[in-house]
Amino acid sequence: MGTIAAETLYDSDKEAAVAKLLEYHLENIQLKEKLAGLYKNSLNSSKSPSKDHFKGSKAKEHN
């Protein structure tokens, strides 16, 4: 959302502006949690993601 659109929303409807802020806040929390999970997964691996993925693909082919 650009500055003009944000100002228009703010000026036109307080409830809509608050709802949009809460929506963005929730999205921000969800993205931070997702990012933390991705970071944690990358720290748990002793190999690079590309090598882990390749190994997993080979294991599936042999089954």
PDB file of N, CA and C in Angstrom:
ATOM      1  N   MET A   1       0.859  -1.168   0.000  1.00  0.00           N
ATOM      2  CA  MET A   1       0.000   0.000   0.000  1.00  0.00           C
ATOM      3  C   MET A   1       0.904   1.230   0.000  1.00  0.00           C
ATOM      4  N   GLY A   2       0.604   2.147  -0.885  1.00  0.00           N
ATOM      5  CA  GLY A   2       1.377   3.373  -0.975  1.00  0.00           C
ATOM      6  C   GLY A   2       0.909   4.423   0.013  1.00  0.00           C
ATOM      7  N   THR A   3       1.647   5.503   0.080  1.00  0.00           N
ATOM      8  CA  THR A   3       1.356   6.582   1.018  1.00  0.00           C
ATOM      9  C   THR A   3      -0.012   7.204   0.766  1.00  0.00           C
ATOM     10  N   ILE A   4      -0.317   7.466  -0.496  1.00  0.00           N
ATOM     11  CA  ILE A   4      -1.591   8.118  -0.816  1.00  0.00           C
ATOM     12  C   ILE A   4      -2.754   7.203  -0.438  1.00  0.00           C
ATOM     13  N   ALA A   5      -2.660   5.924  -0.770  1.00  0.00           N
ATOM     14  CA  ALA A   5      -3.720   4.982  -0.433  1.00  0.00           C
ATOM     15  C   ALA A   5      -3.874   4.851   1.080  1.00  0.00           C
ATOM     16  N   ALA A   6      -2.761   4.841   1.788  1.00  0.00           N
ATOM     17  CA  ALA A   6      -2.811   4.744   3.251  1.00  0.00           C
ATOM     18  C   ALA A   6      -3.466   5.987   3.852  1.00  0.00           C
ATOM     19  N   GLU A   7      -3.102   7.161   3.356  1.00  0.00           N
ATOM     20  CA  GLU A   7      -3.693   8.392   3.861  1.00  0.00           C
ATOM     21  C   GLU A   7      -5.185   8.461   3.550  1.00  0.00           C
ATOM     22  N   THR A   8      -5.573   8.004   2.375  1.00  0.00           N
ATOM     23  CA  THR A   8      -6.985   7.991   1.999  1.00  0.00           C
ATOM     24  C   THR A   8      -7.772   7.075   2.922  1.00  0.00           C
ATOM     25  N   LEU A   9      -7.237   5.893   3.179  1.00  0.00           N
ATOM     26  CA  LEU A   9      -7.890   4.959   4.082  1.00  0.00           C
ATOM     27  C   LEU A   9      -7.988   5.545   5.484  1.00  0.00           C
ATOM     28  N   TYR A  10      -6.906   6.128   5.948  1.00  0.00           N
ATOM     29  CA  TYR A  10      -6.869   6.736   7.286  1.00  0.00           C
ATOM     30  C   TYR A  10      -7.901   7.856   7.411  1.00  0.00           C
ATOM     31  N   ASP A  11      -7.962   8.712   6.406  1.00  0.00           N
ATOM     32  CA  ASP A  11      -8.875   9.854   6.438  1.00  0.00           C
ATOM     33  C   ASP A  11     -10.337   9.451   6.280  1.00  0.00           C
ATOM     34  N   SER A  12     -10.603   8.365   5.571  1.00  0.00           N
ATOM     35  CA  SER A  12     -11.984   8.028   5.243  1.00  0.00           C
ATOM     36  C   SER A  12     -12.702   7.191   6.289  1.00  0.00           C
ATOM     37  N   ASP A  13     -11.969   6.286   6.956  1.00  0.00           N
ATOM     38  CA  ASP A  13     -12.673   5.344   7.812  1.00  0.00           C
ATOM     39  C   ASP A  13     -11.736   4.801   8.885  1.00  0.00           C
ATOM     40  N   LYS A  14     -11.939   5.268  10.108  1.00  0.00           N
ATOM     41  CA  LYS A  14     -11.087   4.846  11.220  1.00  0.00           C
ATOM     42  C   LYS A  14     -11.142   3.331  11.424  1.00  0.00           C
ATOM     43  N   GLU A  15     -12.342   2.742  11.369  1.00  0.00           N
ATOM     44  CA  GLU A  15     -12.479   1.300  11.593  1.00  0.00           C
ATOM     45  C   GLU A  15     -11.739   0.499  10.530  1.00  0.00           C
ATOM     46  N   ALA A  16     -11.838   0.931   9.286  1.00  0.00           N
ATOM     47  CA  ALA A  16     -11.144   0.235   8.206  1.00  0.00           C
ATOM     48  C   ALA A  16      -9.627   0.348   8.361  1.00  0.00           C
ATOM     49  N   ALA A  17      -9.164   1.523   8.783  1.00  0.00           N
ATOM     50  CA  ALA A  17      -7.737   1.723   8.987  1.00  0.00           C
ATOM     51  C   ALA A  17      -7.217   0.832  10.111  1.00  0.00           C
ATOM     52  N   VAL A  18      -7.959   0.748  11.202  1.00  0.00           N
ATOM     53  CA  VAL A  18      -7.559  -0.104  12.326  1.00  0.00           C
ATOM     54  C   VAL A  18      -7.580  -1.569  11.894  1.00  0.00           C
ATOM     55  N   ALA A  19      -8.587  -1.968  11.148  1.00  0.00           N
ATOM     56  CA  ALA A  19      -8.676  -3.353  10.668  1.00  0.00           C
ATOM     57  C   ALA A  19      -7.483  -3.692   9.789  1.00  0.00           C
ATOM     58  N   LYS A  20      -7.104  -2.773   8.916  1.00  0.00           N
ATOM     59  CA  LYS A  20      -5.957  -3.002   8.030  1.00  0.00           C
ATOM     60  C   LYS A  20      -4.671  -3.097   8.834  1.00  0.00           C
ATOM     61  N   LEU A  21      -4.509  -2.244   9.840  1.00  0.00           N
ATOM     62  CA  LEU A  21      -3.324  -2.320  10.708  1.00  0.00           C
ATOM     63  C   LEU A  21      -3.251  -3.663  11.418  1.00  0.00           C
ATOM     64  N   LEU A  22      -4.378  -4.132  11.926  1.00  0.00           N
ATOM     65  CA  LEU A  22      -4.405  -5.429  12.605  1.00  0.00           C
ATOM     66  C   LEU A  22      -4.105  -6.569  11.631  1.00  0.00           C
ATOM     67  N   GLU A  23      -4.607  -6.453  10.420  1.00  0.00           N
ATOM     68  CA  GLU A  23      -4.331  -7.458   9.387  1.00  0.00           C
ATOM     69  C   GLU A  23      -2.825  -7.517   9.102  1.00  0.00           C
ATOM     70  N   TYR A  24      -2.214  -6.364   8.925  1.00  0.00           N
ATOM     71  CA  TYR A  24      -0.770  -6.312   8.660  1.00  0.00           C
ATOM     72  C   TYR A  24       0.029  -6.817   9.864  1.00  0.00           C
ATOM     73  N   HIS A  25      -0.432  -6.507  11.046  1.00  0.00           N
ATOM     74  CA  HIS A  25       0.249  -6.964  12.262  1.00  0.00           C
ATOM     75  C   HIS A  25       0.230  -8.491  12.339  1.00  0.00           C
ATOM     76  N   LEU A  26      -0.921  -9.101  12.075  1.00  0.00           N
ATOM     77  CA  LEU A  26      -1.033 -10.554  12.098  1.00  0.00           C
ATOM     78  C   LEU A  26      -0.147 -11.184  11.025  1.00  0.00           C
ATOM     79  N   GLU A  27      -0.164 -10.610   9.832  1.00  0.00           N
ATOM     80  CA  GLU A  27       0.679 -11.119   8.749  1.00  0.00           C
ATOM     81  C   GLU A  27       2.160 -11.016   9.126  1.00  0.00           C
ATOM     82  N   ASN A  28       2.535  -9.942   9.767  1.00  0.00           N
ATOM     83  CA  ASN A  28       3.910  -9.746  10.200  1.00  0.00           C
ATOM     84  C   ASN A  28       4.325 -10.831  11.201  1.00  0.00           C
ATOM     85  N   ILE A  29       3.466 -11.121  12.162  1.00  0.00           N
ATOM     86  CA  ILE A  29       3.744 -12.162  13.155  1.00  0.00           C
ATOM     87  C   ILE A  29       3.905 -13.516  12.462  1.00  0.00           C
ATOM     88  N   GLN A  30       2.990 -13.834  11.537  1.00  0.00           N
ATOM     89  CA  GLN A  30       3.051 -15.117  10.834  1.00  0.00           C
ATOM     90  C   GLN A  30       4.333 -15.251  10.026  1.00  0.00           C
ATOM     91  N   LEU A  31       4.734 -14.185   9.355  1.00  0.00           N
ATOM     92  CA  LEU A  31       5.960 -14.223   8.562  1.00  0.00           C
ATOM     93  C   LEU A  31       7.198 -14.365   9.452  1.00  0.00           C
ATOM     94  N   LYS A  32       7.200 -13.704  10.601  1.00  0.00           N
ATOM     95  CA  LYS A  32       8.323 -13.850  11.534  1.00  0.00           C
ATOM     96  C   LYS A  32       8.423 -15.274  12.053  1.00  0.00           C
ATOM     97  N   GLU A  33       7.277 -15.902  12.351  1.00  0.00           N
ATOM     98  CA  GLU A  33       7.283 -17.287  12.826  1.00  0.00           C
ATOM     99  C   GLU A  33       7.778 -18.230  11.733  1.00  0.00           C
ATOM    100  N   LYS A  34       7.349 -18.000  10.507  1.00  0.00           N
ATOM    101  CA  LYS A  34       7.791 -18.823   9.387  1.00  0.00           C
ATOM    102  C   LYS A  34       9.295 -18.668   9.173  1.00  0.00           C
ATOM    103  N   LEU A  35       9.764 -17.445   9.226  1.00  0.00           N
ATOM    104  CA  LEU A  35      11.186 -17.181   9.049  1.00  0.00           C
ATOM    105  C   LEU A  35      12.009 -17.836  10.157  1.00  0.00           C
ATOM    106  N   ALA A  36      11.532 -17.762  11.390  1.00  0.00           N
ATOM    107  CA  ALA A  36      12.225 -18.393  12.508  1.00  0.00           C
ATOM    108  C   ALA A  36      12.294 -19.903  12.311  1.00  0.00           C
ATOM    109  N   GLY A  37      11.215 -20.501  11.819  1.00  0.00           N
ATOM    110  CA  GLY A  37      11.211 -21.935  11.559  1.00  0.00           C
ATOM    111  C   GLY A  37      12.181 -22.317  10.463  1.00  0.00           C
ATOM    112  N   LEU A  38      12.238 -21.523   9.402  1.00  0.00           N
ATOM    113  CA  LEU A  38      13.189 -21.793   8.318  1.00  0.00           C
ATOM    114  C   LEU A  38      14.622 -21.647   8.805  1.00  0.00           C
ATOM    115  N   TYR A  39      14.876 -20.643   9.620  1.00  0.00           N
ATOM    116  CA  TYR A  39      16.217 -20.425  10.161  1.00  0.00           C
ATOM    117  C   TYR A  39      16.609 -21.583  11.061  1.00  0.00           C
ATOM    118  N   LYS A  40      15.682 -22.039  11.899  1.00  0.00           N
ATOM    119  CA  LYS A  40      15.958 -23.150  12.803  1.00  0.00           C
ATOM    120  C   LYS A  40      16.286 -24.413  12.011  1.00  0.00           C
ATOM    121  N   ASN A  41      15.506 -24.688  10.960  1.00  0.00           N
ATOM    122  CA  ASN A  41      15.757 -25.865  10.135  1.00  0.00           C
ATOM    123  C   ASN A  41      17.122 -25.809   9.475  1.00  0.00           C
ATOM    124  N   SER A  42      17.551 -24.637   9.054  1.00  0.00           N
ATOM    125  CA  SER A  42      18.843 -24.528   8.392  1.00  0.00           C
ATOM    126  C   SER A  42      19.984 -24.727   9.386  1.00  0.00           C
ATOM    127  N   LEU A  43      19.767 -24.405  10.656  1.00  0.00           N
ATOM    128  CA  LEU A  43      20.800 -24.609  11.668  1.00  0.00           C
ATOM    129  C   LEU A  43      20.896 -26.075  12.088  1.00  0.00           C
ATOM    130  N   ASN A  44      19.824 -26.839  11.928  1.00  0.00           N
ATOM    131  CA  ASN A  44      19.815 -28.234  12.343  1.00  0.00           C
ATOM    132  C   ASN A  44      20.547 -29.139  11.373  1.00  0.00           C
ATOM    133  N   SER A  45      20.774 -28.687  10.178  1.00  0.00           N
ATOM    134  CA  SER A  45      21.367 -29.521   9.151  1.00  0.00           C
ATOM    135  C   SER A  45      22.878 -29.369   9.124  1.00  0.00           C
ATOM    136  N   SER A  46      23.567 -30.498   8.972  1.00  0.00           N
ATOM    137  CA  SER A  46      25.023 -30.449   8.868  1.00  0.00           C
ATOM    138  C   SER A  46      25.457 -30.299   7.418  1.00  0.00           C
ATOM    139  N   LYS A  47      24.521 -30.463   6.482  1.00  0.00           N
ATOM    140  CA  LYS A  47      24.821 -30.335   5.064  1.00  0.00           C
ATOM    141  C   LYS A  47      24.064 -29.147   4.499  1.00  0.00           C
ATOM    142  N   SER A  48      24.512 -28.700   3.354  1.00  0.00           N
ATOM    143  CA  SER A  48      23.817 -27.600   2.701  1.00  0.00           C
ATOM    144  C   SER A  48      22.433 -28.073   2.274  1.00  0.00           C
ATOM    145  N   PRO A  49      21.468 -27.162   2.148  1.00  0.00           N
ATOM    146  CA  PRO A  49      20.110 -27.554   1.750  1.00  0.00           C
ATOM    147  C   PRO A  49      20.080 -28.320   0.430  1.00  0.00           C
ATOM    148  N   SER A  50      20.931 -27.964  -0.518  1.00  0.00           N
ATOM    149  CA  SER A  50      20.912 -28.657  -1.802  1.00  0.00           C
ATOM    150  C   SER A  50      21.349 -30.106  -1.657  1.00  0.00           C
ATOM    151  N   LYS A  51      22.305 -30.386  -0.803  1.00  0.00           N
ATOM    152  CA  LYS A  51      22.760 -31.765  -0.603  1.00  0.00           C
ATOM    153  C   LYS A  51      21.738 -32.566   0.191  1.00  0.00           C
ATOM    154  N   ASP A  52      21.095 -31.951   1.167  1.00  0.00           N
ATOM    155  CA  ASP A  52      20.053 -32.647   1.923  1.00  0.00           C
ATOM    156  C   ASP A  52      18.893 -33.018   1.001  1.00  0.00           C
ATOM    157  N   HIS A  53      18.493 -32.102   0.140  1.00  0.00           N
ATOM    158  CA  HIS A  53      17.374 -32.349  -0.764  1.00  0.00           C
ATOM    159  C   HIS A  53      17.723 -33.492  -1.716  1.00  0.00           C
ATOM    160  N   PHE A  54      18.920 -33.482  -2.255  1.00  0.00           N
ATOM    161  CA  PHE A  54      19.348 -34.502  -3.202  1.00  0.00           C
ATOM    162  C   PHE A  54      19.346 -35.870  -2.535  1.00  0.00           C
ATOM    163  N   LYS A  55      19.858 -35.955  -1.312  1.00  0.00           N
ATOM    164  CA  LYS A  55      19.899 -37.208  -0.584  1.00  0.00           C
ATOM    165  C   LYS A  55      18.486 -37.729  -0.329  1.00  0.00           C
ATOM    166  N   GLY A  56      17.570 -36.848   0.022  1.00  0.00           N
ATOM    167  CA  GLY A  56      16.185 -37.237   0.252  1.00  0.00           C
ATOM    168  C   GLY A  56      15.529 -37.750  -1.014  1.00  0.00           C
ATOM    169  N   SER A  57      15.863 -37.161  -2.145  1.00  0.00           N
ATOM    170  CA  SER A  57      15.288 -37.600  -3.408  1.00  0.00           C
ATOM    171  C   SER A  57      15.794 -38.974  -3.779  1.00  0.00           C
ATOM    172  N   LYS A  58      17.071 -39.249  -3.542  1.00  0.00           N
ATOM    173  CA  LYS A  58      17.635 -40.562  -3.829  1.00  0.00           C
ATOM    174  C   LYS A  58      17.009 -41.634  -2.949  1.00  0.00           C
ATOM    175  N   ALA A  59      16.813 -41.309  -1.672  1.00  0.00           N
ATOM    176  CA  ALA A  59      16.239 -42.279  -0.756  1.00  0.00           C
ATOM    177  C   ALA A  59      14.833 -42.656  -1.209  1.00  0.00           C
ATOM    178  N   LYS A  60      14.072 -41.722  -1.712  1.00  0.00           N
ATOM    179  CA  LYS A  60      12.717 -42.012  -2.184  1.00  0.00           C
ATOM    180  C   LYS A  60      12.748 -42.904  -3.414  1.00  0.00           C
ATOM    181  N   GLU A  61      13.758 -42.711  -4.298  1.00  0.00           N
ATOM    182  CA  GLU A  61      13.846 -43.499  -5.512  1.00  0.00           C
ATOM    183  C   GLU A  61      14.140 -44.966  -5.220  1.00  0.00           C
ATOM    184  N   HIS A  62      14.911 -45.240  -4.169  1.00  0.00           N
ATOM    185  CA  HIS A  62      15.296 -46.609  -3.838  1.00  0.00           C
ATOM    186  C   HIS A  62      14.179 -47.373  -3.153  1.00  0.00           C
ATOM    187  N   ASN A  63      13.188 -46.695  -2.608  1.00  0.00           N
ATOM    188  CA  ASN A  63      12.092 -47.380  -1.893  1.00  0.00           C
ATOM    189  C   ASN A  63      11.047 -47.918  -2.821  1.00  0.00           C
TER     190      ASN A  63
END
